[in-house]
Amino acid sequence: IHFHSQPFGNWLASEEKAVEIVKVLTDWGMEPYVYIIPIGDLQQEIV
């Protein structure tokens, strides 16, 4: 489960990294999908 700050910051690079990491870990048995959850606007609300 990956959280990023979309629509703020370099969120797309963060998502791409998470997907690449999951690709590697599927060889070890990780589930072959990842949940992507943007929370940038919610973080702004907390601020």
ModelCIF file with pLDDT and N, C-alpha, C, O atoms, coordinates in Angstrom:
data_MODEL
#
_entry.id   MODEL 
#
_entity.id                         1 
_entity.type                       polymer 
_entity.pdbx_number_of_molecules   1 
#
_entity_poly.entity_id                      1 
_entity_poly.type                           'polypeptide(L)' 
_entity_poly.nstd_linkage                   no 
_entity_poly.nstd_monomer                   no 
_entity_poly.pdbx_seq_one_letter_code       IHFHSQPFGNWLASEEKAVEIVKVLTDWGMEPYVYIIPIGDLQQEIV 
_entity_poly.pdbx_seq_one_letter_code_can   IHFHSQPFGNWLASEEKAVEIVKVLTDWGMEPYVYIIPIGDLQQEIV 
_entity_poly.pdbx_strand_id                 A 
#
loop_
_entity_poly_seq.entity_id 
_entity_poly_seq.num 
_entity_poly_seq.mon_id 
_entity_poly_seq.hetero 
1 1  ILE n 
1 2  HIS n 
1 3  PHE n 
1 4  HIS n 
1 5  SER n 
1 6  GLN n 
1 7  PRO n 
1 8  PHE n 
1 9  GLY n 
1 10 ASN n 
1 11 TRP n 
1 12 LEU n 
1 13 ALA n 
1 14 SER n 
1 15 GLU n 
1 16 GLU n 
1 17 LYS n 
1 18 ALA n 
1 19 VAL n 
1 20 GLU n 
1 21 ILE n 
1 22 VAL n 
1 23 LYS n 
1 24 VAL n 
1 25 LEU n 
1 26 THR n 
1 27 ASP n 
1 28 TRP n 
1 29 GLY n 
1 30 MET n 
1 31 GLU n 
1 32 PRO n 
1 33 TYR n 
1 34 VAL n 
1 35 TYR n 
1 36 ILE n 
1 37 ILE n 
1 38 PRO n 
1 39 ILE n 
1 40 GLY n 
1 41 ASP n 
1 42 LEU n 
1 43 GLN n 
1 44 GLN n 
1 45 GLU n 
1 46 ILE n 
1 47 VAL n 
#
_struct_asym.id          A 
_struct_asym.entity_id   1 
#
loop_
_ma_qa_metric.id 
_ma_qa_metric.mode 
_ma_qa_metric.name 
_ma_qa_metric.software_group_id 
_ma_qa_metric.type 
1 global pLDDT . pLDDT 
2 local  pLDDT . pLDDT 
#
_ma_qa_metric_global.metric_id      1 
_ma_qa_metric_global.metric_value   92.79 
_ma_qa_metric_global.model_id       1 
_ma_qa_metric_global.ordinal_id     1 
#
loop_
_ma_qa_metric_local.label_asym_id 
_ma_qa_metric_local.label_comp_id 
_ma_qa_metric_local.label_seq_id 
_ma_qa_metric_local.metric_id 
_ma_qa_metric_local.metric_value 
_ma_qa_metric_local.model_id 
_ma_qa_metric_local.ordinal_id 
A ILE 1  2 98.00 1 1  
A HIS 2  2 97.00 1 2  
A PHE 3  2 95.00 1 3  
A HIS 4  2 92.00 1 4  
A SER 5  2 86.00 1 5  
A GLN 6  2 85.00 1 6  
A PRO 7  2 84.00 1 7  
A PHE 8  2 82.00 1 8  
A GLY 9  2 75.00 1 9  
A ASN 10 2 80.00 1 10 
A TRP 11 2 84.00 1 11 
A LEU 12 2 87.00 1 12 
A ALA 13 2 88.00 1 13 
A SER 14 2 89.00 1 14 
A GLU 15 2 92.00 1 15 
A GLU 16 2 93.00 1 16 
A LYS 17 2 94.00 1 17 
A ALA 18 2 95.00 1 18 
A VAL 19 2 96.00 1 19 
A GLU 20 2 96.00 1 20 
A ILE 21 2 97.00 1 21 
A VAL 22 2 97.00 1 22 
A LYS 23 2 96.00 1 23 
A VAL 24 2 96.00 1 24 
A LEU 25 2 97.00 1 25 
A THR 26 2 96.00 1 26 
A ASP 27 2 94.00 1 27 
A TRP 28 2 97.00 1 28 
A GLY 29 2 96.00 1 29 
A MET 30 2 97.00 1 30 
A GLU 31 2 97.00 1 31 
A PRO 32 2 96.00 1 32 
A TYR 33 2 97.00 1 33 
A VAL 34 2 98.00 1 34 
A TYR 35 2 98.00 1 35 
A ILE 36 2 97.00 1 36 
A ILE 37 2 97.00 1 37 
A PRO 38 2 95.00 1 38 
A ILE 39 2 94.00 1 39 
A GLY 40 2 93.00 1 40 
A ASP 41 2 93.00 1 41 
A LEU 42 2 95.00 1 42 
A GLN 43 2 92.00 1 43 
A GLN 44 2 91.00 1 44 
A GLU 45 2 93.00 1 45 
A ILE 46 2 93.00 1 46 
A VAL 47 2 91.00 1 47 
#
loop_
_atom_site.group_PDB 
_atom_site.id 
_atom_site.type_symbol 
_atom_site.label_atom_id 
_atom_site.label_alt_id 
_atom_site.label_comp_id 
_atom_site.label_asym_id 
_atom_site.label_entity_id 
_atom_site.label_seq_id 
_atom_site.pdbx_PDB_ins_code 
_atom_site.Cartn_x 
_atom_site.Cartn_y 
_atom_site.Cartn_z 
_atom_site.occupancy 
_atom_site.B_iso_or_equiv 
_atom_site.pdbx_formal_charge 
_atom_site.auth_seq_id 
_atom_site.auth_comp_id 
_atom_site.auth_asym_id 
_atom_site.auth_atom_id 
_atom_site.pdbx_PDB_model_num 
ATOM 1   N N  . ILE A 1 1  ? 0.867  -1.178  0.000   1.00 98.00 ? 1  ILE A N  1 
ATOM 2   C CA . ILE A 1 1  ? 0.000  0.000   0.000   1.00 98.00 ? 1  ILE A CA 1 
ATOM 3   C C  . ILE A 1 1  ? 0.905  1.228   0.000   1.00 98.00 ? 1  ILE A C  1 
ATOM 4   O O  . ILE A 1 1  ? 1.673  1.437   0.939   1.00 98.00 ? 1  ILE A O  1 
ATOM 5   N N  . HIS A 1 2  ? 0.814  2.031   -1.041  1.00 97.00 ? 2  HIS A N  1 
ATOM 6   C CA . HIS A 1 2  ? 1.709  3.181   -1.186  1.00 97.00 ? 2  HIS A CA 1 
ATOM 7   C C  . HIS A 1 2  ? 0.920  4.485   -1.136  1.00 97.00 ? 2  HIS A C  1 
ATOM 8   O O  . HIS A 1 2  ? -0.068 4.660   -1.849  1.00 97.00 ? 2  HIS A O  1 
ATOM 9   N N  . PHE A 1 3  ? 1.378  5.397   -0.276  1.00 95.00 ? 3  PHE A N  1 
ATOM 10  C CA . PHE A 1 3  ? 0.791  6.726   -0.170  1.00 95.00 ? 3  PHE A CA 1 
ATOM 11  C C  . PHE A 1 3  ? 1.739  7.745   -0.800  1.00 95.00 ? 3  PHE A C  1 
ATOM 12  O O  . PHE A 1 3  ? 2.953  7.670   -0.609  1.00 95.00 ? 3  PHE A O  1 
ATOM 13  N N  . HIS A 1 4  ? 1.182  8.699   -1.553  1.00 92.00 ? 4  HIS A N  1 
ATOM 14  C CA . HIS A 1 4  ? 2.004  9.803   -2.027  1.00 92.00 ? 4  HIS A CA 1 
ATOM 15  C C  . HIS A 1 4  ? 1.226  11.114  -1.957  1.00 92.00 ? 4  HIS A C  1 
ATOM 16  O O  . HIS A 1 4  ? 0.034  11.134  -1.653  1.00 92.00 ? 4  HIS A O  1 
ATOM 17  N N  . SER A 1 5  ? 1.931  12.209  -2.245  1.00 86.00 ? 5  SER A N  1 
ATOM 18  C CA . SER A 1 5  ? 1.398  13.536  -1.963  1.00 86.00 ? 5  SER A CA 1 
ATOM 19  C C  . SER A 1 5  ? 0.691  14.195  -3.146  1.00 86.00 ? 5  SER A C  1 
ATOM 20  O O  . SER A 1 5  ? 0.516  15.413  -3.167  1.00 86.00 ? 5  SER A O  1 
ATOM 21  N N  . GLN A 1 6  ? 0.282  13.389  -4.135  1.00 85.00 ? 6  GLN A N  1 
ATOM 22  C CA . GLN A 1 6  ? -0.468 13.972  -5.260  1.00 85.00 ? 6  GLN A CA 1 
ATOM 23  C C  . GLN A 1 6  ? -1.630 14.847  -4.724  1.00 85.00 ? 6  GLN A C  1 
ATOM 24  O O  . GLN A 1 6  ? -2.379 14.388  -3.861  1.00 85.00 ? 6  GLN A O  1 
ATOM 25  N N  . PRO A 1 7  ? -1.788 16.051  -5.199  1.00 84.00 ? 7  PRO A N  1 
ATOM 26  C CA . PRO A 1 7  ? -1.219 16.658  -6.420  1.00 84.00 ? 7  PRO A CA 1 
ATOM 27  C C  . PRO A 1 7  ? 0.020  17.498  -6.189  1.00 84.00 ? 7  PRO A C  1 
ATOM 28  O O  . PRO A 1 7  ? 0.359  18.327  -7.034  1.00 84.00 ? 7  PRO A O  1 
ATOM 29  N N  . PHE A 1 8  ? 0.713  17.310  -5.065  1.00 82.00 ? 8  PHE A N  1 
ATOM 30  C CA . PHE A 1 8  ? 1.857  18.158  -4.739  1.00 82.00 ? 8  PHE A CA 1 
ATOM 31  C C  . PHE A 1 8  ? 3.156  17.369  -4.831  1.00 82.00 ? 8  PHE A C  1 
ATOM 32  O O  . PHE A 1 8  ? 3.162  16.147  -4.681  1.00 82.00 ? 8  PHE A O  1 
ATOM 33  N N  . GLY A 1 9  ? 4.249  18.072  -5.077  1.00 75.00 ? 9  GLY A N  1 
ATOM 34  C CA . GLY A 1 9  ? 5.560  17.461  -5.048  1.00 75.00 ? 9  GLY A CA 1 
ATOM 35  C C  . GLY A 1 9  ? 5.785  16.486  -6.193  1.00 75.00 ? 9  GLY A C  1 
ATOM 36  O O  . GLY A 1 9  ? 5.002  16.417  -7.140  1.00 75.00 ? 9  GLY A O  1 
ATOM 37  N N  . ASN A 1 10 ? 6.873  15.733  -6.083  1.00 80.00 ? 10 ASN A N  1 
ATOM 38  C CA . ASN A 1 10 ? 7.254  14.774  -7.132  1.00 80.00 ? 10 ASN A CA 1 
ATOM 39  C C  . ASN A 1 10 ? 6.588  13.428  -6.863  1.00 80.00 ? 10 ASN A C  1 
ATOM 40  O O  . ASN A 1 10 ? 7.254  12.408  -6.692  1.00 80.00 ? 10 ASN A O  1 
ATOM 41  N N  . TRP A 1 11 ? 5.267  13.453  -6.830  1.00 84.00 ? 11 TRP A N  1 
ATOM 42  C CA . TRP A 1 11 ? 4.523  12.248  -6.453  1.00 84.00 ? 11 TRP A CA 1 
ATOM 43  C C  . TRP A 1 11 ? 4.627  11.143  -7.494  1.00 84.00 ? 11 TRP A C  1 
ATOM 44  O O  . TRP A 1 11 ? 4.590  9.963   -7.145  1.00 84.00 ? 11 TRP A O  1 
ATOM 45  N N  . LEU A 1 12 ? 4.755  11.508  -8.774  1.00 87.00 ? 12 LEU A N  1 
ATOM 46  C CA . LEU A 1 12 ? 4.819  10.489  -9.816  1.00 87.00 ? 12 LEU A CA 1 
ATOM 47  C C  . LEU A 1 12 ? 6.083  9.645   -9.689  1.00 87.00 ? 12 LEU A C  1 
ATOM 48  O O  . LEU A 1 12 ? 6.029  8.431   -9.882  1.00 87.00 ? 12 LEU A O  1 
ATOM 49  N N  . ALA A 1 13 ? 7.216  10.263  -9.368  1.00 88.00 ? 13 ALA A N  1 
ATOM 50  C CA . ALA A 1 13 ? 8.452  9.504   -9.160  1.00 88.00 ? 13 ALA A CA 1 
ATOM 51  C C  . ALA A 1 13 ? 8.309  8.565   -7.968  1.00 88.00 ? 13 ALA A C  1 
ATOM 52  O O  . ALA A 1 13 ? 8.826  7.448   -7.982  1.00 88.00 ? 13 ALA A O  1 
ATOM 53  N N  . SER A 1 14 ? 7.605  9.024   -6.942  1.00 89.00 ? 14 SER A N  1 
ATOM 54  C CA . SER A 1 14 ? 7.368  8.178   -5.770  1.00 89.00 ? 14 SER A CA 1 
ATOM 55  C C  . SER A 1 14 ? 6.548  6.950   -6.148  1.00 89.00 ? 14 SER A C  1 
ATOM 56  O O  . SER A 1 14 ? 6.853  5.836   -5.721  1.00 89.00 ? 14 SER A O  1 
ATOM 57  N N  . GLU A 1 15 ? 5.502  7.160   -6.953  1.00 92.00 ? 15 GLU A N  1 
ATOM 58  C CA . GLU A 1 15 ? 4.671  6.040   -7.396  1.00 92.00 ? 15 GLU A CA 1 
ATOM 59  C C  . GLU A 1 15 ? 5.474  5.060   -8.247  1.00 92.00 ? 15 GLU A C  1 
ATOM 60  O O  . GLU A 1 15 ? 5.363  3.846   -8.074  1.00 92.00 ? 15 GLU A O  1 
ATOM 61  N N  . GLU A 1 16 ? 6.288  5.590   -9.171  1.00 93.00 ? 16 GLU A N  1 
ATOM 62  C CA . GLU A 1 16 ? 7.088  4.723   -10.042 1.00 93.00 ? 16 GLU A CA 1 
ATOM 63  C C  . GLU A 1 16 ? 8.072  3.892   -9.231  1.00 93.00 ? 16 GLU A C  1 
ATOM 64  O O  . GLU A 1 16 ? 8.277  2.714   -9.525  1.00 93.00 ? 16 GLU A O  1 
ATOM 65  N N  . LYS A 1 17 ? 8.684  4.492   -8.213  1.00 94.00 ? 17 LYS A N  1 
ATOM 66  C CA . LYS A 1 17 ? 9.594  3.736   -7.350  1.00 94.00 ? 17 LYS A CA 1 
ATOM 67  C C  . LYS A 1 17 ? 8.863  2.593   -6.648  1.00 94.00 ? 17 LYS A C  1 
ATOM 68  O O  . LYS A 1 17 ? 9.361  1.469   -6.586  1.00 94.00 ? 17 LYS A O  1 
ATOM 69  N N  . ALA A 1 18 ? 7.681  2.895   -6.123  1.00 95.00 ? 18 ALA A N  1 
ATOM 70  C CA . ALA A 1 18 ? 6.920  1.867   -5.414  1.00 95.00 ? 18 ALA A CA 1 
ATOM 71  C C  . ALA A 1 18 ? 6.593  0.696   -6.333  1.00 95.00 ? 18 ALA A C  1 
ATOM 72  O O  . ALA A 1 18 ? 6.708  -0.461  -5.928  1.00 95.00 ? 18 ALA A O  1 
ATOM 73  N N  . VAL A 1 19 ? 6.187  0.987   -7.566  1.00 96.00 ? 19 VAL A N  1 
ATOM 74  C CA . VAL A 1 19 ? 5.855  -0.081  -8.508  1.00 96.00 ? 19 VAL A CA 1 
ATOM 75  C C  . VAL A 1 19 ? 7.091  -0.913  -8.827  1.00 96.00 ? 19 VAL A C  1 
ATOM 76  O O  . VAL A 1 19 ? 7.004  -2.139  -8.902  1.00 96.00 ? 19 VAL A O  1 
ATOM 77  N N  . GLU A 1 20 ? 8.241  -0.265  -9.016  1.00 96.00 ? 20 GLU A N  1 
ATOM 78  C CA . GLU A 1 20 ? 9.474  -0.996  -9.308  1.00 96.00 ? 20 GLU A CA 1 
ATOM 79  C C  . GLU A 1 20 ? 9.882  -1.882  -8.138  1.00 96.00 ? 20 GLU A C  1 
ATOM 80  O O  . GLU A 1 20 ? 10.346 -3.004  -8.339  1.00 96.00 ? 20 GLU A O  1 
ATOM 81  N N  . ILE A 1 21 ? 9.713  -1.388  -6.930  1.00 97.00 ? 21 ILE A N  1 
ATOM 82  C CA . ILE A 1 21 ? 10.039 -2.196  -5.754  1.00 97.00 ? 21 ILE A CA 1 
ATOM 83  C C  . ILE A 1 21 ? 9.133  -3.421  -5.677  1.00 97.00 ? 21 ILE A C  1 
ATOM 84  O O  . ILE A 1 21 ? 9.597  -4.522  -5.382  1.00 97.00 ? 21 ILE A O  1 
ATOM 85  N N  . VAL A 1 22 ? 7.855  -3.231  -5.939  1.00 97.00 ? 22 VAL A N  1 
ATOM 86  C CA . VAL A 1 22 ? 6.930  -4.369  -5.914  1.00 97.00 ? 22 VAL A CA 1 
ATOM 87  C C  . VAL A 1 22 ? 7.298  -5.383  -6.989  1.00 97.00 ? 22 VAL A C  1 
ATOM 88  O O  . VAL A 1 22 ? 7.186  -6.587  -6.759  1.00 97.00 ? 22 VAL A O  1 
ATOM 89  N N  . LYS A 1 23 ? 7.736  -4.920  -8.162  1.00 96.00 ? 23 LYS A N  1 
ATOM 90  C CA . LYS A 1 23 ? 8.176  -5.850  -9.204  1.00 96.00 ? 23 LYS A CA 1 
ATOM 91  C C  . LYS A 1 23 ? 9.284  -6.754  -8.699  1.00 96.00 ? 23 LYS A C  1 
ATOM 92  O O  . LYS A 1 23 ? 9.273  -7.962  -8.938  1.00 96.00 ? 23 LYS A O  1 
ATOM 93  N N  . VAL A 1 24 ? 10.243 -6.162  -7.996  1.00 96.00 ? 24 VAL A N  1 
ATOM 94  C CA . VAL A 1 24 ? 11.340 -6.960  -7.444  1.00 96.00 ? 24 VAL A CA 1 
ATOM 95  C C  . VAL A 1 24 ? 10.821 -7.946  -6.406  1.00 96.00 ? 24 VAL A C  1 
ATOM 96  O O  . VAL A 1 24 ? 11.209 -9.114  -6.405  1.00 96.00 ? 24 VAL A O  1 
ATOM 97  N N  . LEU A 1 25 ? 9.956  -7.484  -5.534  1.00 97.00 ? 25 LEU A N  1 
ATOM 98  C CA . LEU A 1 25 ? 9.507  -8.326  -4.421  1.00 97.00 ? 25 LEU A CA 1 
ATOM 99  C C  . LEU A 1 25 ? 8.479  -9.375  -4.824  1.00 97.00 ? 25 LEU A C  1 
ATOM 100 O O  . LEU A 1 25 ? 8.221  -10.303 -4.057  1.00 97.00 ? 25 LEU A O  1 
ATOM 101 N N  . THR A 1 26 ? 7.883  -9.250  -6.015  1.00 96.00 ? 26 THR A N  1 
ATOM 102 C CA . THR A 1 26 ? 7.007  -10.335 -6.462  1.00 96.00 ? 26 THR A CA 1 
ATOM 103 C C  . THR A 1 26 ? 7.799  -11.624 -6.667  1.00 96.00 ? 26 THR A C  1 
ATOM 104 O O  . THR A 1 26 ? 7.246  -12.714 -6.519  1.00 96.00 ? 26 THR A O  1 
ATOM 105 N N  . ASP A 1 27 ? 9.084  -11.516 -7.006  1.00 94.00 ? 27 ASP A N  1 
ATOM 106 C CA . ASP A 1 27 ? 9.904  -12.720 -7.115  1.00 94.00 ? 27 ASP A CA 1 
ATOM 107 C C  . ASP A 1 27 ? 10.003 -13.452 -5.784  1.00 94.00 ? 27 ASP A C  1 
ATOM 108 O O  . ASP A 1 27 ? 10.192 -14.668 -5.750  1.00 94.00 ? 27 ASP A O  1 
ATOM 109 N N  . TRP A 1 28 ? 9.875  -12.715 -4.697  1.00 97.00 ? 28 TRP A N  1 
ATOM 110 C CA . TRP A 1 28 ? 9.934  -13.316 -3.357  1.00 97.00 ? 28 TRP A CA 1 
ATOM 111 C C  . TRP A 1 28 ? 8.552  -13.698 -2.846  1.00 97.00 ? 28 TRP A C  1 
ATOM 112 O O  . TRP A 1 28 ? 8.429  -14.243 -1.748  1.00 97.00 ? 28 TRP A O  1 
ATOM 113 N N  . GLY A 1 29 ? 7.504  -13.419 -3.631  1.00 96.00 ? 29 GLY A N  1 
ATOM 114 C CA . GLY A 1 29 ? 6.159  -13.848 -3.249  1.00 96.00 ? 29 GLY A CA 1 
ATOM 115 C C  . GLY A 1 29 ? 5.186  -12.748 -2.909  1.00 96.00 ? 29 GLY A C  1 
ATOM 116 O O  . GLY A 1 29 ? 4.055  -13.039 -2.521  1.00 96.00 ? 29 GLY A O  1 
ATOM 117 N N  . MET A 1 30 ? 5.589  -11.459 -3.040  1.00 97.00 ? 30 MET A N  1 
ATOM 118 C CA . MET A 1 30 ? 4.646  -10.378 -2.744  1.00 97.00 ? 30 MET A CA 1 
ATOM 119 C C  . MET A 1 30 ? 3.486  -10.402 -3.737  1.00 97.00 ? 30 MET A C  1 
ATOM 120 O O  . MET A 1 30 ? 3.649  -10.830 -4.880  1.00 97.00 ? 30 MET A O  1 
ATOM 121 N N  . GLU A 1 31 ? 2.316  -9.943  -3.296  1.00 97.00 ? 31 GLU A N  1 
ATOM 122 C CA . GLU A 1 31 ? 1.145  -9.895  -4.158  1.00 97.00 ? 31 GLU A CA 1 
ATOM 123 C C  . GLU A 1 31 ? 1.450  -9.045  -5.399  1.00 97.00 ? 31 GLU A C  1 
ATOM 124 O O  . GLU A 1 31 ? 2.127  -8.023  -5.283  1.00 97.00 ? 31 GLU A O  1 
ATOM 125 N N  . PRO A 1 32 ? 0.967  -9.443  -6.577  1.00 96.00 ? 32 PRO A N  1 
ATOM 126 C CA . PRO A 1 32 ? 1.353  -8.778  -7.831  1.00 96.00 ? 32 PRO A CA 1 
ATOM 127 C C  . PRO A 1 32 ? 0.516  -7.545  -8.153  1.00 96.00 ? 32 PRO A C  1 
ATOM 128 O O  . PRO A 1 32 ? 0.076  -7.369  -9.290  1.00 96.00 ? 32 PRO A O  1 
ATOM 129 N N  . TYR A 1 33 ? 0.300  -6.707  -7.173  1.00 97.00 ? 33 TYR A N  1 
ATOM 130 C CA . TYR A 1 33 ? -0.403 -5.446  -7.367  1.00 97.00 ? 33 TYR A CA 1 
ATOM 131 C C  . TYR A 1 33 ? -0.040 -4.530  -6.208  1.00 97.00 ? 33 TYR A C  1 
ATOM 132 O O  . TYR A 1 33 ? 0.472  -4.974  -5.181  1.00 97.00 ? 33 TYR A O  1 
ATOM 133 N N  . VAL A 1 34 ? -0.314 -3.250  -6.393  1.00 98.00 ? 34 VAL A N  1 
ATOM 134 C CA . VAL A 1 34 ? -0.048 -2.284  -5.329  1.00 98.00 ? 34 VAL A CA 1 
ATOM 135 C C  . VAL A 1 34 ? -1.201 -1.292  -5.277  1.00 98.00 ? 34 VAL A C  1 
ATOM 136 O O  . VAL A 1 34 ? -1.682 -0.830  -6.312  1.00 98.00 ? 34 VAL A O  1 
ATOM 137 N N  . TYR A 1 35 ? -1.635 -0.971  -4.077  1.00 98.00 ? 35 TYR A N  1 
ATOM 138 C CA . TYR A 1 35 ? -2.634 0.078   -3.889  1.00 98.00 ? 35 TYR A CA 1 
ATOM 139 C C  . TYR A 1 35 ? -1.923 1.427   -3.841  1.00 98.00 ? 35 TYR A C  1 
ATOM 140 O O  . TYR A 1 35 ? -0.989 1.609   -3.061  1.00 98.00 ? 35 TYR A O  1 
ATOM 141 N N  . ILE A 1 36 ? -2.356 2.361   -4.661  1.00 97.00 ? 36 ILE A N  1 
ATOM 142 C CA . ILE A 1 36 ? -1.808 3.709   -4.711  1.00 97.00 ? 36 ILE A CA 1 
ATOM 143 C C  . ILE A 1 36 ? -2.843 4.668   -4.148  1.00 97.00 ? 36 ILE A C  1 
ATOM 144 O O  . ILE A 1 36 ? -3.973 4.717   -4.633  1.00 97.00 ? 36 ILE A O  1 
ATOM 145 N N  . ILE A 1 37 ? -2.465 5.435   -3.121  1.00 97.00 ? 37 ILE A N  1 
ATOM 146 C CA . ILE A 1 37 ? -3.424 6.296   -2.428  1.00 97.00 ? 37 ILE A CA 1 
ATOM 147 C C  . ILE A 1 37 ? -2.855 7.708   -2.311  1.00 97.00 ? 37 ILE A C  1 
ATOM 148 O O  . ILE A 1 37 ? -1.905 7.924   -1.559  1.00 97.00 ? 37 ILE A O  1 
ATOM 149 N N  . PRO A 1 38 ? -3.420 8.672   -3.042  1.00 95.00 ? 38 PRO A N  1 
ATOM 150 C CA . PRO A 1 38 ? -2.964 10.060  -2.934  1.00 95.00 ? 38 PRO A CA 1 
ATOM 151 C C  . PRO A 1 38 ? -3.561 10.733  -1.699  1.00 95.00 ? 38 PRO A C  1 
ATOM 152 O O  . PRO A 1 38 ? -4.769 10.666  -1.470  1.00 95.00 ? 38 PRO A O  1 
ATOM 153 N N  . ILE A 1 39 ? -2.708 11.381  -0.909  1.00 94.00 ? 39 ILE A N  1 
ATOM 154 C CA . ILE A 1 39 ? -3.209 12.047  0.310   1.00 94.00 ? 39 ILE A CA 1 
ATOM 155 C C  . ILE A 1 39 ? -2.693 13.477  0.443   1.00 94.00 ? 39 ILE A C  1 
ATOM 156 O O  . ILE A 1 39 ? -2.756 14.055  1.528   1.00 94.00 ? 39 ILE A O  1 
ATOM 157 N N  . GLY A 1 40 ? -2.182 14.059  -0.648  1.00 93.00 ? 40 GLY A N  1 
ATOM 158 C CA . GLY A 1 40 ? -1.628 15.406  -0.563  1.00 93.00 ? 40 GLY A CA 1 
ATOM 159 C C  . GLY A 1 40 ? -2.628 16.442  -0.059  1.00 93.00 ? 40 GLY A C  1 
ATOM 160 O O  . GLY A 1 40 ? -2.287 17.286  0.771   1.00 93.00 ? 40 GLY A O  1 
ATOM 161 N N  . ASP A 1 41 ? -3.865 16.380  -0.560  1.00 93.00 ? 41 ASP A N  1 
ATOM 162 C CA . ASP A 1 41 ? -4.869 17.356  -0.118  1.00 93.00 ? 41 ASP A CA 1 
ATOM 163 C C  . ASP A 1 41 ? -5.255 17.127  1.343   1.00 93.00 ? 41 ASP A C  1 
ATOM 164 O O  . ASP A 1 41 ? -5.583 18.079  2.051   1.00 93.00 ? 41 ASP A O  1 
ATOM 165 N N  . LEU A 1 42 ? -5.220 15.867  1.799   1.00 95.00 ? 42 LEU A N  1 
ATOM 166 C CA . LEU A 1 42 ? -5.522 15.572  3.200   1.00 95.00 ? 42 LEU A CA 1 
ATOM 167 C C  . LEU A 1 42 ? -4.387 16.037  4.107   1.00 95.00 ? 42 LEU A C  1 
ATOM 168 O O  . LEU A 1 42 ? -4.632 16.504  5.220   1.00 95.00 ? 42 LEU A O  1 
ATOM 169 N N  . GLN A 1 43 ? -3.164 15.912  3.642   1.00 92.00 ? 43 GLN A N  1 
ATOM 170 C CA . GLN A 1 43 ? -2.028 16.426  4.412   1.00 92.00 ? 43 GLN A CA 1 
ATOM 171 C C  . GLN A 1 43 ? -2.133 17.949  4.555   1.00 92.00 ? 43 GLN A C  1 
ATOM 172 O O  . GLN A 1 43 ? -1.843 18.504  5.615   1.00 92.00 ? 43 GLN A O  1 
ATOM 173 N N  . GLN A 1 44 ? -2.548 18.610  3.481   1.00 91.00 ? 44 GLN A N  1 
ATOM 174 C CA . GLN A 1 44 ? -2.722 20.056  3.532   1.00 91.00 ? 44 GLN A CA 1 
ATOM 175 C C  . GLN A 1 44 ? -3.785 20.442  4.562   1.00 91.00 ? 44 GLN A C  1 
ATOM 176 O O  . GLN A 1 44 ? -3.667 21.456  5.250   1.00 91.00 ? 44 GLN A O  1 
ATOM 177 N N  . GLU A 1 45 ? -4.819 19.613  4.652   1.00 93.00 ? 45 GLU A N  1 
ATOM 178 C CA . GLU A 1 45 ? -5.871 19.840  5.640   1.00 93.00 ? 45 GLU A CA 1 
ATOM 179 C C  . GLU A 1 45 ? -5.321 19.739  7.057   1.00 93.00 ? 45 GLU A C  1 
ATOM 180 O O  . GLU A 1 45 ? -5.676 20.528  7.932   1.00 93.00 ? 45 GLU A O  1 
ATOM 181 N N  . ILE A 1 46 ? -4.446 18.753  7.270   1.00 93.00 ? 46 ILE A N  1 
ATOM 182 C CA . ILE A 1 46 ? -3.822 18.594  8.586   1.00 93.00 ? 46 ILE A CA 1 
ATOM 183 C C  . ILE A 1 46 ? -2.965 19.809  8.912   1.00 93.00 ? 46 ILE A C  1 
ATOM 184 O O  . ILE A 1 46 ? -2.968 20.283  10.048  1.00 93.00 ? 46 ILE A O  1 
ATOM 185 N N  . VAL A 1 47 ? -2.229 20.316  7.924   1.00 91.00 ? 47 VAL A N  1 
ATOM 186 C CA . VAL A 1 47 ? -1.375 21.482  8.126   1.00 91.00 ? 47 VAL A CA 1 
ATOM 187 C C  . VAL A 1 47 ? -2.195 22.687  8.594   1.00 91.00 ? 47 VAL A C  1 
ATOM 188 O O  . VAL A 1 47 ? -1.639 23.763  8.816   1.00 91.00 ? 47 VAL A O  1 
#
